[in-house]
C-alpha atoms as a PDB file:
ATOM      1  CA  MET A   1      13.392  -6.064   0.856  1.00  0.00           C
ATOM      2  CA  ALA A   2       9.571  -6.915  -0.641  1.00  0.00           C
ATOM      3  CA  MET A   3       6.249  -8.233   0.486  1.00  0.00           C
ATOM      4  CA  VAL A   4       4.034  -9.640  -1.782  1.00  0.00           C
ATOM      5  CA  ASN A   5       0.443 -10.716  -1.830  1.00  0.00           C
ATOM      6  CA  GLU A   6      -1.062 -14.125  -1.919  1.00  0.00           C
ATOM      7  CA  ALA A   7      -2.414 -13.516  -5.497  1.00  0.00           C
ATOM      8  CA  PHE A   8       1.332 -12.996  -6.656  1.00  0.00           C
ATOM      9  CA  VAL A   9       2.173 -16.464  -5.062  1.00  0.00           C
ATOM     10  CA  ARG A  10      -0.524 -18.247  -6.690  1.00  0.00           C
ATOM     11  CA  GLN A  11       0.614 -16.759 -10.196  1.00  0.00           C
ATOM     12  CA  TYR A  12       4.330 -16.635 -10.135  1.00  0.00           C
ATOM     13  CA  LEU A  13       5.562 -19.061  -7.059  1.00  0.00           C
ATOM     14  CA  PRO A  14       3.008 -21.707  -6.761  1.00  0.00           C
ATOM     15  CA  ASN A  15       5.072 -24.713  -5.554  1.00  0.00           C
ATOM     16  CA  VAL A  16       8.043 -23.080  -3.818  1.00  0.00           C
ATOM     17  CA  ASP A  17       8.478 -20.878  -0.736  1.00  0.00           C
ATOM     18  CA  PRO A  18       7.898 -17.381  -1.326  1.00  0.00           C
ATOM     19  CA  LEU A  19      10.247 -16.102   1.520  1.00  0.00           C
ATOM     20  CA  THR A  20      13.254 -18.081  -0.078  1.00  0.00           C
ATOM     21  CA  GLN A  21      12.817 -16.120  -3.288  1.00  0.00           C
ATOM     22  CA  GLN A  22      13.895 -12.888  -4.899  1.00  0.00           C
ATOM     23  CA  VAL A  23      12.175 -10.692  -7.250  1.00  0.00           C
ATOM     24  CA  PHE A  24      13.425  -8.201  -9.988  1.00  0.00           C
ATOM     25  CA  VAL A  25      11.424  -5.273 -10.232  1.00  0.00           C
ATOM     26  CA  PRO A  26      11.806  -1.966 -12.312  1.00  0.00           C
ATOM     27  CA  GLN A  27      13.133   1.126 -10.370  1.00  0.00           C
ATOM     28  CA  PHE A  28      10.528   3.799 -10.926  1.00  0.00           C
ATOM     29  CA  ASP A  29      10.849   7.652 -10.016  1.00  0.00           C
ATOM     30  CA  PRO A  30       8.904   8.761  -7.068  1.00  0.00           C
ATOM     31  CA  VAL A  31       6.183   9.876  -9.323  1.00  0.00           C
ATOM     32  CA  GLY A  32       6.135   6.786 -11.499  1.00  0.00           C
ATOM     33  CA  THR A  33       7.194   8.517 -14.890  1.00  0.00           C
ATOM     34  CA  LYS A  34      10.514   7.068 -15.345  1.00  0.00           C
ATOM     35  CA  ILE A  35      11.455   3.510 -15.393  1.00  0.00           C
ATOM     36  CA  GLY A  36      15.121   2.452 -14.241  1.00  0.00           C
ATOM     37  CA  SER A  37      17.080  -0.564 -14.146  1.00  0.00           C
ATOM     38  CA  PRO A  38      15.433  -3.718 -12.409  1.00  0.00           C
ATOM     39  CA  VAL A  39      16.446  -4.236  -8.475  1.00  0.00           C
ATOM     40  CA  THR A  40      16.488  -7.288  -6.651  1.00  0.00           C
ATOM     41  CA  ARG A  41      14.330  -7.501  -3.697  1.00  0.00           C
ATOM     42  CA  GLN A  42      14.325 -10.451  -1.231  1.00  0.00           C
ATOM     43  CA  ILE A  43      10.613 -11.544  -0.396  1.00  0.00           C
ATOM     44  CA  VAL A  44      10.423 -11.186   3.594  1.00  0.00           C
ATOM     45  CA  GLY A  45       6.687 -11.749   3.890  1.00  0.00           C
ATOM     46  CA  VAL A  46       3.387 -12.705   2.132  1.00  0.00           C
ATOM     47  CA  PHE A  47       0.029 -10.618   3.222  1.00  0.00           C
ATOM     48  CA  HIS A  48      -3.458 -11.484   2.397  1.00  0.00           C
ATOM     49  CA  ASP A  49      -5.071 -10.128  -0.966  1.00  0.00           C
ATOM     50  CA  VAL A  50      -6.651  -6.685  -0.487  1.00  0.00           C
ATOM     51  CA  ARG A  51      -9.055  -5.115  -3.295  1.00  0.00           C
ATOM     52  CA  ASN A  52      -7.023  -1.635  -3.469  1.00  0.00           C
ATOM     53  CA  MET A  53      -8.623  -0.534  -6.476  1.00  0.00           C
ATOM     54  CA  GLY A  54     -12.367  -1.244  -5.453  1.00  0.00           C
ATOM     55  CA  PRO A  55     -14.684  -3.906  -4.339  1.00  0.00           C
ATOM     56  CA  ARG A  56     -15.195  -5.159  -7.700  1.00  0.00           C
ATOM     57  CA  GLN A  57     -11.472  -5.675  -8.550  1.00  0.00           C
ATOM     58  CA  ALA A  58     -10.256  -9.408  -8.767  1.00  0.00           C
ATOM     59  CA  ASP A  59      -7.267 -10.338  -7.018  1.00  0.00           C
ATOM     60  CA  VAL A  60      -4.327  -8.613  -8.520  1.00  0.00           C
ATOM     61  CA  PRO A  61      -0.678  -9.784  -7.998  1.00  0.00           C
ATOM     62  CA  GLU A  62       1.163  -6.893  -5.735  1.00  0.00           C
ATOM     63  CA  ILE A  63       4.615  -6.408  -4.478  1.00  0.00           C
ATOM     64  CA  ASP A  64       5.092  -3.878  -1.873  1.00  0.00           C
ATOM     65  CA  VAL A  65       8.437  -2.123  -0.477  1.00  0.00           C
ATOM     66  CA  PRO A  66       9.147   0.038   2.482  1.00  0.00           C
ATOM     67  CA  PHE A  67       8.572   3.553   1.945  1.00  0.00           C
ATOM     68  CA  TRP A  68      12.149   4.523   2.592  1.00  0.00           C
ATOM     69  CA  GLN A  69      13.349   2.274  -0.646  1.00  0.00           C
ATOM     70  CA  PHE A  70      10.652   3.633  -2.785  1.00  0.00           C
ATOM     71  CA  PRO A  71       9.337   7.202  -1.367  1.00  0.00           C
ATOM     72  CA  LEU A  72       6.315   8.375  -3.326  1.00  0.00           C
ATOM     73  CA  ALA A  73       5.486  12.067  -3.257  1.00  0.00           C
ATOM     74  CA  PHE A  74       2.200  10.803  -1.406  1.00  0.00           C
ATOM     75  CA  ALA A  75       1.016   8.546   0.994  1.00  0.00           C
ATOM     76  CA  ALA A  76      -2.240   6.931   2.060  1.00  0.00           C
ATOM     77  CA  VAL A  77      -3.021   5.932   5.662  1.00  0.00           C
ATOM     78  CA  ALA A  78      -5.859   3.840   6.944  1.00  0.00           C
ATOM     79  CA  ALA A  79      -6.637   3.916  10.786  1.00  0.00           C
ATOM     80  CA  HIS A  80      -9.253   1.882  12.694  1.00  0.00           C
ATOM     81  CA  THR A  81     -11.075   3.388  15.430  1.00  0.00           C
ATOM     82  CA  SER A  82     -13.672   2.657  17.735  1.00  0.00           C
ATOM     83  CA  GLY A  83     -16.889   4.662  17.605  1.00  0.00           C
ATOM     84  CA  ASP A  84     -17.460   7.311  15.057  1.00  0.00           C
ATOM     85  CA  PRO A  85     -14.288   7.471  12.875  1.00  0.00           C
ATOM     86  CA  ARG A  86     -14.935  11.285  12.172  1.00  0.00           C
ATOM     87  CA  ASN A  87     -14.116  11.929  15.905  1.00  0.00           C
ATOM     88  CA  ALA A  88     -10.385  10.430  15.339  1.00  0.00           C
ATOM     89  CA  ILE A  89      -9.598  13.032  12.406  1.00  0.00           C
ATOM     90  CA  LYS A  90      -8.148  15.850  14.950  1.00  0.00           C
ATOM     91  CA  ASP A  91      -5.972  13.199  16.567  1.00  0.00           C
ATOM     92  CA  LEU A  92      -4.697  11.674  13.359  1.00  0.00           C
ATOM     93  CA  ALA A  93      -3.849  15.394  12.030  1.00  0.00           C
ATOM     94  CA  ALA A  94      -1.904  16.094  15.318  1.00  0.00           C
ATOM     95  CA  ALA A  95      -0.022  12.756  14.762  1.00  0.00           C
ATOM     96  CA  MET A  96       0.935  13.662  11.527  1.00  0.00           C
ATOM     97  CA  GLN A  97       2.086  16.807  12.320  1.00  0.00           C
ATOM     98  CA  THR A  98       4.642  15.438  14.679  1.00  0.00           C
ATOM     99  CA  VAL A  99       6.263  13.318  11.680  1.00  0.00           C
ATOM    100  CA  ASP A 100       6.247  16.603   9.734  1.00  0.00           C
ATOM    101  CA  PRO A 101       4.273  20.024  10.012  1.00  0.00           C
ATOM    102  CA  ASP A 102       4.441  20.553   6.328  1.00  0.00           C
ATOM    103  CA  LEU A 103       2.367  17.514   5.647  1.00  0.00           C
ATOM    104  CA  PRO A 104      -1.234  18.205   4.442  1.00  0.00           C
ATOM    105  CA  LEU A 105      -4.060  15.828   5.730  1.00  0.00           C
ATOM    106  CA  ILE A 106      -6.210  15.756   2.615  1.00  0.00           C
ATOM    107  CA  GLN A 107      -9.095  13.416   1.248  1.00  0.00           C
ATOM    108  CA  VAL A 108     -10.145  12.202   4.593  1.00  0.00           C
ATOM    109  CA  GLN A 109     -13.091   9.895   4.292  1.00  0.00           C
ATOM    110  CA  THR A 110     -14.527   7.167   6.585  1.00  0.00           C
ATOM    111  CA  MET A 111     -14.372   3.653   5.139  1.00  0.00           C
ATOM    112  CA  GLN A 112     -18.115   3.668   4.638  1.00  0.00           C
ATOM    113  CA  GLU A 113     -17.628   6.925   2.442  1.00  0.00           C
ATOM    114  CA  VAL A 114     -15.289   5.138   0.227  1.00  0.00           C
ATOM    115  CA  VAL A 115     -17.382   1.917  -0.016  1.00  0.00           C
ATOM    116  CA  SER A 116     -20.217   4.029  -1.028  1.00  0.00           C
ATOM    117  CA  LEU A 117     -18.275   6.049  -3.324  1.00  0.00           C
ATOM    118  CA  THR A 118     -16.669   3.067  -4.927  1.00  0.00           C
ATOM    119  CA  LEU A 119     -20.561   1.403  -5.502  1.00  0.00           C
ATOM    120  CA  ALA A 120     -22.266   4.589  -6.674  1.00  0.00           C
END
């Protein structure tokens, strides 16, 4: 299964229902260095375009698959909080420890910090 963004639908599937389509994508190893045979994935959803590479990036077609289908050596998490986001860091770290006590919590930043660094 896979989800695609709106840019993908506009570029590759403009006149069809994307939820009736399959995509063929190369299979990468977890660190993205080796390409294997293409894998068929059923499109199960369409999500809004997100500028993952920064606010200046144009909308880029994306295909996302569940982590269990393509486990990477790292993962990124974003959390929306009320109040000062720095106050939630301890709670987020504790939640991650319940998933796997060996998971490190690194590069913790507020969205304001991410945007400021991107625009600097």
